[in-house]
Amino acid sequence: MKSRSIFLAVMFAFTAPVAACGGGGDGNDRWVTTENTNVDIDWDQVAEAYKKAEGPEDFEQKVNEIYSGDEVISVDVHDKDEKTQEVTGFFDKNTNGTIDEGEKIFVINREITGEETGQMHIQGYGHYAHYRSPMWDIAGGMVLGSMISRAFMPGYTPVYTTRYVTSPTRVSSLATHRNSYRAANPSKFPKSQSGRSYGSKGGSFSSRSSSRSFGGGSRSGGGFGVTPPRKLRVVRLTA
């Protein structure tokens, strides 16, 4: 019985699962992680991209440069009136050019509150639903792109009372631009050890391929610091 107990204790030591590291966070954390792909969004950068955008096409290009996942982010821009604009980011999963159930990622609400003052905030949706930004002040004297700055002009007429929505045909050109951007900025987008770009469509290193990319135990291959399991030699002890 004693030898059996020792053997079981050794086996348990090598097979017991290691608890994953984790941590709590409040709803205003800058980094928010998806449940299924572990893709982060830097909301500060999204806010800056919106403030500096020259128009919807410029914003959707900037926000896809920020996002490091496989999906392309489409945008919907709608001027509710001369003071209020709503911008929605979404994954157009069925490529129909509309925001369907479960596709919404974030909504930016911008409101002009005075002659030279305004405010904006971002609310996350789906896997990002627990993110809610503070209310950011914007003003006519700030360095702003024309998408916002023209709203401070006298006699401003809203441009997007008819919604702008990323067309399904534009999604492929956004993906092509993003791949070029990632290739030009390799330090921002780590590569797998096979050299494939992280997050780009088609043969990419993503959550679907990670189990293959990190397999094996060689130093120069896909080991990535993983030590091969040692062979156990069972020593039978006498009672």
C-alpha atoms as a PDB file:
ATOM      1  CA  MET A   1       0.000   0.000   0.000  1.00  0.00           C
ATOM      2  CA  LYS A   2       2.846   2.352   0.807  1.00  0.00           C
ATOM      3  CA  SER A   3       4.466   1.891  -2.626  1.00  0.00           C
ATOM      4  CA  ARG A   4       1.128   2.508  -4.358  1.00  0.00           C
ATOM      5  CA  SER A   5       0.609   5.743  -2.395  1.00  0.00           C
ATOM      6  CA  ILE A   6       4.066   7.034  -3.380  1.00  0.00           C
ATOM      7  CA  PHE A   7       3.439   6.197  -7.055  1.00  0.00           C
ATOM      8  CA  LEU A   8       0.076   8.015  -7.081  1.00  0.00           C
ATOM      9  CA  ALA A   9       1.588  11.072  -5.409  1.00  0.00           C
ATOM     10  CA  VAL A  10       4.312  11.299  -8.083  1.00  0.00           C
ATOM     11  CA  MET A  11       1.797  10.968 -10.917  1.00  0.00           C
ATOM     12  CA  PHE A  12      -0.450  13.667  -9.419  1.00  0.00           C
ATOM     13  CA  ALA A  13       2.468  16.096  -9.171  1.00  0.00           C
ATOM     14  CA  PHE A  14       3.106  15.845 -12.913  1.00  0.00           C
ATOM     15  CA  THR A  15      -0.483  15.831 -14.110  1.00  0.00           C
ATOM     16  CA  ALA A  16      -2.251  18.333 -11.829  1.00  0.00           C
ATOM     17  CA  PRO A  17      -3.538  21.295 -13.858  1.00  0.00           C
ATOM     18  CA  VAL A  18      -2.004  24.701 -13.246  1.00  0.00           C
ATOM     19  CA  ALA A  19      -4.499  27.430 -12.363  1.00  0.00           C
ATOM     20  CA  ALA A  20      -4.701  30.192 -14.960  1.00  0.00           C
ATOM     21  CA  CYS A  21      -3.691  33.642 -13.909  1.00  0.00           C
ATOM     22  CA  GLY A  22      -6.480  36.169 -13.852  1.00  0.00           C
ATOM     23  CA  GLY A  23      -7.570  39.365 -12.281  1.00  0.00           C
ATOM     24  CA  GLY A  24     -10.541  41.490 -11.638  1.00  0.00           C
ATOM     25  CA  GLY A  25     -11.197  44.789 -13.304  1.00  0.00           C
ATOM     26  CA  ASP A  26     -13.742  47.502 -13.348  1.00  0.00           C
ATOM     27  CA  GLY A  27     -15.860  48.556 -16.291  1.00  0.00           C
ATOM     28  CA  ASN A  28     -13.531  51.401 -17.272  1.00  0.00           C
ATOM     29  CA  ASP A  29     -10.387  49.347 -17.896  1.00  0.00           C
ATOM     30  CA  ARG A  30      -8.533  50.637 -20.936  1.00  0.00           C
ATOM     31  CA  TRP A  31      -7.810  47.126 -22.194  1.00  0.00           C
ATOM     32  CA  VAL A  32     -10.739  44.807 -22.686  1.00  0.00           C
ATOM     33  CA  THR A  33     -10.336  41.192 -23.797  1.00  0.00           C
ATOM     34  CA  THR A  34     -12.756  39.075 -25.786  1.00  0.00           C
ATOM     35  CA  GLU A  35     -13.962  35.809 -24.362  1.00  0.00           C
ATOM     36  CA  ASN A  36     -13.087  33.618 -27.322  1.00  0.00           C
ATOM     37  CA  THR A  37     -10.087  35.083 -29.173  1.00  0.00           C
ATOM     38  CA  ASN A  38      -8.248  37.134 -26.533  1.00  0.00           C
ATOM     39  CA  VAL A  39      -8.147  40.158 -28.850  1.00  0.00           C
ATOM     40  CA  ASP A  40      -7.602  43.474 -27.113  1.00  0.00           C
ATOM     41  CA  ILE A  41      -8.885  46.909 -28.098  1.00  0.00           C
ATOM     42  CA  ASP A  42      -7.103  50.043 -26.917  1.00  0.00           C
ATOM     43  CA  TRP A  43     -10.069  52.353 -26.347  1.00  0.00           C
ATOM     44  CA  ASP A  44      -7.856  55.418 -25.875  1.00  0.00           C
ATOM     45  CA  GLN A  45      -6.551  54.903 -29.414  1.00  0.00           C
ATOM     46  CA  VAL A  46     -10.076  54.401 -30.760  1.00  0.00           C
ATOM     47  CA  ALA A  47     -11.129  57.717 -29.175  1.00  0.00           C
ATOM     48  CA  GLU A  48      -8.103  59.501 -30.679  1.00  0.00           C
ATOM     49  CA  ALA A  49      -8.796  57.955 -34.087  1.00  0.00           C
ATOM     50  CA  TYR A  50     -12.347  59.273 -33.971  1.00  0.00           C
ATOM     51  CA  LYS A  51     -11.270  62.763 -32.885  1.00  0.00           C
ATOM     52  CA  LYS A  52      -8.723  63.010 -35.710  1.00  0.00           C
ATOM     53  CA  ALA A  53     -10.717  61.301 -38.471  1.00  0.00           C
ATOM     54  CA  GLU A  54     -11.365  63.275 -41.647  1.00  0.00           C
ATOM     55  CA  GLY A  55     -14.467  61.195 -42.369  1.00  0.00           C
ATOM     56  CA  PRO A  56     -15.999  57.721 -41.975  1.00  0.00           C
ATOM     57  CA  GLU A  57     -13.568  56.103 -44.437  1.00  0.00           C
ATOM     58  CA  ASP A  58     -10.605  57.529 -42.561  1.00  0.00           C
ATOM     59  CA  PHE A  59     -11.997  56.408 -39.211  1.00  0.00           C
ATOM     60  CA  GLU A  60     -12.744  52.844 -40.313  1.00  0.00           C
ATOM     61  CA  GLN A  61      -9.209  52.601 -41.703  1.00  0.00           C
ATOM     62  CA  LYS A  62      -7.675  53.907 -38.469  1.00  0.00           C
ATOM     63  CA  VAL A  63      -9.762  51.658 -36.212  1.00  0.00           C
ATOM     64  CA  ASN A  64      -8.779  48.579 -38.224  1.00  0.00           C
ATOM     65  CA  GLU A  65      -5.124  49.542 -37.827  1.00  0.00           C
ATOM     66  CA  ILE A  66      -5.704  49.544 -34.059  1.00  0.00           C
ATOM     67  CA  TYR A  67      -7.613  46.242 -33.878  1.00  0.00           C
ATOM     68  CA  SER A  68      -5.311  43.194 -33.898  1.00  0.00           C
ATOM     69  CA  GLY A  69      -7.826  40.420 -34.553  1.00  0.00           C
ATOM     70  CA  ASP A  70      -8.789  38.592 -37.737  1.00  0.00           C
ATOM     71  CA  GLU A  71     -12.116  40.333 -38.261  1.00  0.00           C
ATOM     72  CA  VAL A  72     -12.519  43.625 -40.116  1.00  0.00           C
ATOM     73  CA  ILE A  73     -14.415  46.289 -38.187  1.00  0.00           C
ATOM     74  CA  SER A  74     -17.180  47.965 -40.188  1.00  0.00           C
ATOM     75  CA  VAL A  75     -18.633  51.307 -39.110  1.00  0.00           C
ATOM     76  CA  ASP A  76     -22.032  52.969 -39.202  1.00  0.00           C
ATOM     77  CA  VAL A  77     -22.098  56.790 -38.938  1.00  0.00           C
ATOM     78  CA  HIS A  78     -25.393  58.544 -38.289  1.00  0.00           C
ATOM     79  CA  ASP A  79     -26.081  62.235 -37.578  1.00  0.00           C
ATOM     80  CA  LYS A  80     -29.224  62.189 -35.463  1.00  0.00           C
ATOM     81  CA  ASP A  81     -29.454  65.980 -35.688  1.00  0.00           C
ATOM     82  CA  GLU A  82     -27.122  68.991 -36.011  1.00  0.00           C
ATOM     83  CA  LYS A  83     -25.665  68.349 -32.542  1.00  0.00           C
ATOM     84  CA  THR A  84     -25.598  64.597 -32.090  1.00  0.00           C
ATOM     85  CA  GLN A  85     -23.670  61.919 -33.963  1.00  0.00           C
ATOM     86  CA  GLU A  86     -23.620  58.181 -33.310  1.00  0.00           C
ATOM     87  CA  VAL A  87     -20.845  55.961 -34.656  1.00  0.00           C
ATOM     88  CA  THR A  88     -21.168  52.179 -34.356  1.00  0.00           C
ATOM     89  CA  GLY A  89     -18.383  49.653 -34.887  1.00  0.00           C
ATOM     90  CA  PHE A  90     -19.474  46.135 -35.788  1.00  0.00           C
ATOM     91  CA  PHE A  91     -18.359  42.832 -37.288  1.00  0.00           C
ATOM     92  CA  ASP A  92     -20.408  42.376 -40.458  1.00  0.00           C
ATOM     93  CA  LYS A  93     -20.426  38.585 -40.112  1.00  0.00           C
ATOM     94  CA  ASN A  94     -22.973  37.936 -42.865  1.00  0.00           C
ATOM     95  CA  THR A  95     -21.607  40.725 -45.126  1.00  0.00           C
ATOM     96  CA  ASN A  96     -25.004  42.350 -45.676  1.00  0.00           C
ATOM     97  CA  GLY A  97     -23.931  45.881 -44.753  1.00  0.00           C
ATOM     98  CA  THR A  98     -26.250  46.189 -41.739  1.00  0.00           C
ATOM     99  CA  ILE A  99     -25.830  45.819 -37.972  1.00  0.00           C
ATOM    100  CA  ASP A 100     -27.474  42.545 -37.024  1.00  0.00           C
ATOM    101  CA  GLU A 101     -27.920  40.841 -33.665  1.00  0.00           C
ATOM    102  CA  GLY A 102     -24.607  40.056 -31.977  1.00  0.00           C
ATOM    103  CA  GLU A 103     -22.446  42.054 -34.423  1.00  0.00           C
ATOM    104  CA  LYS A 104     -22.129  45.340 -32.494  1.00  0.00           C
ATOM    105  CA  ILE A 105     -18.737  46.049 -30.872  1.00  0.00           C
ATOM    106  CA  PHE A 106     -18.949  49.665 -29.706  1.00  0.00           C
ATOM    107  CA  VAL A 107     -20.948  52.872 -30.032  1.00  0.00           C
ATOM    108  CA  ILE A 108     -19.445  56.369 -29.905  1.00  0.00           C
ATOM    109  CA  ASN A 109     -21.893  59.125 -29.006  1.00  0.00           C
ATOM    110  CA  ARG A 110     -20.816  62.696 -29.765  1.00  0.00           C
ATOM    111  CA  GLU A 111     -22.808  65.774 -28.781  1.00  0.00           C
ATOM    112  CA  ILE A 112     -22.137  69.460 -29.407  1.00  0.00           C
ATOM    113  CA  THR A 113     -23.095  71.184 -26.157  1.00  0.00           C
ATOM    114  CA  GLY A 114     -22.206  74.827 -26.919  1.00  0.00           C
ATOM    115  CA  GLU A 115     -20.685  77.208 -29.448  1.00  0.00           C
ATOM    116  CA  GLU A 116     -17.183  75.739 -29.044  1.00  0.00           C
ATOM    117  CA  THR A 117     -17.772  72.801 -26.696  1.00  0.00           C
ATOM    118  CA  GLY A 118     -18.838  69.198 -26.982  1.00  0.00           C
ATOM    119  CA  GLN A 119     -18.502  65.781 -25.410  1.00  0.00           C
ATOM    120  CA  MET A 120     -18.202  62.136 -26.420  1.00  0.00           C
ATOM    121  CA  HIS A 121     -18.099  58.711 -24.829  1.00  0.00           C
ATOM    122  CA  ILE A 122     -17.732  55.072 -25.896  1.00  0.00           C
ATOM    123  CA  GLN A 123     -19.866  52.109 -24.830  1.00  0.00           C
ATOM    124  CA  GLY A 124     -18.750  48.551 -25.575  1.00  0.00           C
ATOM    125  CA  TYR A 125     -21.069  45.735 -26.677  1.00  0.00           C
ATOM    126  CA  GLY A 126     -20.922  41.966 -26.983  1.00  0.00           C
ATOM    127  CA  HIS A 127     -17.672  40.667 -25.472  1.00  0.00           C
ATOM    128  CA  TYR A 128     -16.747  44.300 -24.723  1.00  0.00           C
ATOM    129  CA  ALA A 129     -20.040  45.120 -22.998  1.00  0.00           C
ATOM    130  CA  HIS A 130     -18.488  45.859 -19.617  1.00  0.00           C
ATOM    131  CA  TYR A 131     -16.449  48.763 -21.055  1.00  0.00           C
ATOM    132  CA  ARG A 132     -17.842  52.258 -20.652  1.00  0.00           C
ATOM    133  CA  SER A 133     -15.564  55.243 -21.112  1.00  0.00           C
ATOM    134  CA  PRO A 134     -15.637  58.456 -19.111  1.00  0.00           C
ATOM    135  CA  MET A 135     -17.242  61.477 -20.770  1.00  0.00           C
ATOM    136  CA  TRP A 136     -14.477  63.150 -22.781  1.00  0.00           C
ATOM    137  CA  ASP A 137     -14.605  66.882 -23.497  1.00  0.00           C
ATOM    138  CA  ILE A 138     -14.030  68.111 -27.035  1.00  0.00           C
ATOM    139  CA  ALA A 139     -13.743  71.727 -28.153  1.00  0.00           C
ATOM    140  CA  GLY A 140     -13.455  73.745 -31.325  1.00  0.00           C
ATOM    141  CA  GLY A 141      -9.941  74.857 -30.377  1.00  0.00           C
ATOM    142  CA  MET A 142      -8.575  71.299 -30.213  1.00  0.00           C
ATOM    143  CA  VAL A 143      -6.695  69.565 -33.017  1.00  0.00           C
ATOM    144  CA  LEU A 144      -9.606  67.694 -34.588  1.00  0.00           C
ATOM    145  CA  GLY A 145     -10.299  66.041 -37.899  1.00  0.00           C
ATOM    146  CA  SER A 146     -13.005  67.458 -40.125  1.00  0.00           C
ATOM    147  CA  MET A 147     -15.467  64.730 -39.101  1.00  0.00           C
ATOM    148  CA  ILE A 148     -15.889  66.543 -35.769  1.00  0.00           C
ATOM    149  CA  SER A 149     -14.496  70.048 -36.345  1.00  0.00           C
ATOM    150  CA  ARG A 150     -17.001  71.041 -39.025  1.00  0.00           C
ATOM    151  CA  ALA A 151     -19.789  70.481 -36.491  1.00  0.00           C
ATOM    152  CA  PHE A 152     -18.494  73.630 -34.713  1.00  0.00           C
ATOM    153  CA  MET A 153     -18.814  75.767 -37.841  1.00  0.00           C
ATOM    154  CA  PRO A 154     -21.608  78.381 -38.039  1.00  0.00           C
ATOM    155  CA  GLY A 155     -24.568  77.161 -40.067  1.00  0.00           C
ATOM    156  CA  TYR A 156     -23.370  73.563 -39.952  1.00  0.00           C
ATOM    157  CA  THR A 157     -25.644  71.118 -41.756  1.00  0.00           C
ATOM    158  CA  PRO A 158     -25.366  67.443 -40.725  1.00  0.00           C
ATOM    159  CA  VAL A 159     -23.716  65.326 -43.394  1.00  0.00           C
ATOM    160  CA  TYR A 160     -24.765  61.833 -42.327  1.00  0.00           C
ATOM    161  CA  THR A 161     -28.498  62.117 -41.748  1.00  0.00           C
ATOM    162  CA  THR A 162     -28.461  59.345 -44.332  1.00  0.00           C
ATOM    163  CA  ARG A 163     -26.245  56.767 -42.689  1.00  0.00           C
ATOM    164  CA  TYR A 164     -22.765  55.951 -43.896  1.00  0.00           C
ATOM    165  CA  VAL A 165     -22.147  52.196 -43.558  1.00  0.00           C
ATOM    166  CA  THR A 166     -19.033  50.271 -44.581  1.00  0.00           C
ATOM    167  CA  SER A 167     -19.978  48.415 -47.735  1.00  0.00           C
ATOM    168  CA  PRO A 168     -19.211  44.686 -47.979  1.00  0.00           C
ATOM    169  CA  THR A 169     -17.044  45.426 -51.036  1.00  0.00           C
ATOM    170  CA  ARG A 170     -14.891  47.831 -49.014  1.00  0.00           C
ATOM    171  CA  VAL A 171     -14.160  45.217 -46.342  1.00  0.00           C
ATOM    172  CA  SER A 172     -11.605  43.447 -48.576  1.00  0.00           C
ATOM    173  CA  SER A 173      -9.734  46.693 -49.312  1.00  0.00           C
ATOM    174  CA  LEU A 174      -9.663  47.474 -45.573  1.00  0.00           C
ATOM    175  CA  ALA A 175      -8.187  44.016 -44.914  1.00  0.00           C
ATOM    176  CA  THR A 176      -5.547  44.570 -47.612  1.00  0.00           C
ATOM    177  CA  HIS A 177      -4.608  47.963 -46.154  1.00  0.00           C
ATOM    178  CA  ARG A 178      -4.443  46.516 -42.640  1.00  0.00           C
ATOM    179  CA  ASN A 179      -2.155  43.680 -43.733  1.00  0.00           C
ATOM    180  CA  SER A 180       0.188  46.223 -45.334  1.00  0.00           C
ATOM    181  CA  TYR A 181       0.082  48.343 -42.175  1.00  0.00           C
ATOM    182  CA  ARG A 182       0.924  45.348 -39.995  1.00  0.00           C
ATOM    183  CA  ALA A 183       3.800  44.386 -42.281  1.00  0.00           C
ATOM    184  CA  ALA A 184       5.164  47.932 -42.014  1.00  0.00           C
ATOM    185  CA  ASN A 185       4.797  47.942 -38.207  1.00  0.00           C
ATOM    186  CA  PRO A 186       5.949  44.467 -37.112  1.00  0.00           C
ATOM    187  CA  SER A 187       6.668  45.515 -33.522  1.00  0.00           C
ATOM    188  CA  LYS A 188       2.976  46.267 -32.984  1.00  0.00           C
ATOM    189  CA  PHE A 189       1.827  42.905 -34.303  1.00  0.00           C
ATOM    190  CA  PRO A 190       3.898  39.895 -33.108  1.00  0.00           C
ATOM    191  CA  LYS A 191       4.408  37.028 -35.495  1.00  0.00           C
ATOM    192  CA  SER A 192       4.216  33.334 -34.868  1.00  0.00           C
ATOM    193  CA  GLN A 193       7.459  31.385 -35.036  1.00  0.00           C
ATOM    194  CA  SER A 194       6.503  30.205 -38.508  1.00  0.00           C
ATOM    195  CA  GLY A 195       6.630  33.854 -39.611  1.00  0.00           C
ATOM    196  CA  ARG A 196       2.916  34.257 -40.288  1.00  0.00           C
ATOM    197  CA  SER A 197       1.326  37.559 -39.355  1.00  0.00           C
ATOM    198  CA  TYR A 198      -0.789  37.620 -36.214  1.00  0.00           C
ATOM    199  CA  GLY A 199      -4.418  38.354 -36.905  1.00  0.00           C
ATOM    200  CA  SER A 200      -4.365  38.609 -40.709  1.00  0.00           C
ATOM    201  CA  LYS A 201      -6.900  36.640 -42.709  1.00  0.00           C
ATOM    202  CA  GLY A 202      -5.896  33.543 -44.613  1.00  0.00           C
ATOM    203  CA  GLY A 203      -3.274  31.209 -43.154  1.00  0.00           C
ATOM    204  CA  SER A 204      -2.929  33.450 -40.133  1.00  0.00           C
ATOM    205  CA  PHE A 205      -1.668  32.857 -36.654  1.00  0.00           C
ATOM    206  CA  SER A 206      -4.804  33.032 -34.564  1.00  0.00           C
ATOM    207  CA  SER A 207      -6.583  31.184 -31.797  1.00  0.00           C
ATOM    208  CA  ARG A 208      -7.545  28.483 -34.283  1.00  0.00           C
ATOM    209  CA  SER A 209      -3.928  27.686 -35.191  1.00  0.00           C
ATOM    210  CA  SER A 210      -2.175  28.333 -31.893  1.00  0.00           C
ATOM    211  CA  SER A 211      -2.278  24.701 -30.810  1.00  0.00           C
ATOM    212  CA  ARG A 212      -0.377  23.748 -33.973  1.00  0.00           C
ATOM    213  CA  SER A 213       2.023  26.703 -33.941  1.00  0.00           C
ATOM    214  CA  PHE A 214       3.234  26.018 -30.412  1.00  0.00           C
ATOM    215  CA  GLY A 215       3.444  22.254 -30.699  1.00  0.00           C
ATOM    216  CA  GLY A 216       6.659  20.276 -30.369  1.00  0.00           C
ATOM    217  CA  GLY A 217       9.581  20.766 -28.095  1.00  0.00           C
ATOM    218  CA  SER A 218      12.527  21.946 -30.237  1.00  0.00           C
ATOM    219  CA  ARG A 219      14.263  25.187 -29.401  1.00  0.00           C
ATOM    220  CA  SER A 220      14.097  26.683 -32.894  1.00  0.00           C
ATOM    221  CA  GLY A 221      10.748  25.287 -33.957  1.00  0.00           C
ATOM    222  CA  GLY A 222       7.364  25.839 -32.346  1.00  0.00           C
ATOM    223  CA  GLY A 223       8.415  25.092 -28.794  1.00  0.00           C
ATOM    224  CA  PHE A 224       8.168  28.668 -27.490  1.00  0.00           C
ATOM    225  CA  GLY A 225       9.589  27.833 -24.106  1.00  0.00           C
ATOM    226  CA  VAL A 226       7.643  24.591 -23.635  1.00  0.00           C
ATOM    227  CA  THR A 227       9.716  21.835 -21.980  1.00  0.00           C
ATOM    228  CA  PRO A 228       9.016  18.318 -23.252  1.00  0.00           C
ATOM    229  CA  PRO A 229       7.452  16.076 -20.605  1.00  0.00           C
ATOM    230  CA  ARG A 230       9.989  13.930 -18.798  1.00  0.00           C
ATOM    231  CA  LYS A 231       9.718  10.158 -18.842  1.00  0.00           C
ATOM    232  CA  LEU A 232       9.021   8.820 -15.393  1.00  0.00           C
ATOM    233  CA  ARG A 233      10.871   5.809 -14.129  1.00  0.00           C
ATOM    234  CA  VAL A 234       8.679   3.914 -11.712  1.00  0.00           C
ATOM    235  CA  VAL A 235      10.598   2.438  -8.831  1.00  0.00           C
ATOM    236  CA  ARG A 236       8.693  -0.244  -7.001  1.00  0.00           C
ATOM    237  CA  LEU A 237       9.369  -0.014  -3.300  1.00  0.00           C
ATOM    238  CA  THR A 238       9.122  -2.920  -0.994  1.00  0.00           C
ATOM    239  CA  ALA A 239       6.753  -2.636   1.922  1.00  0.00           C
END
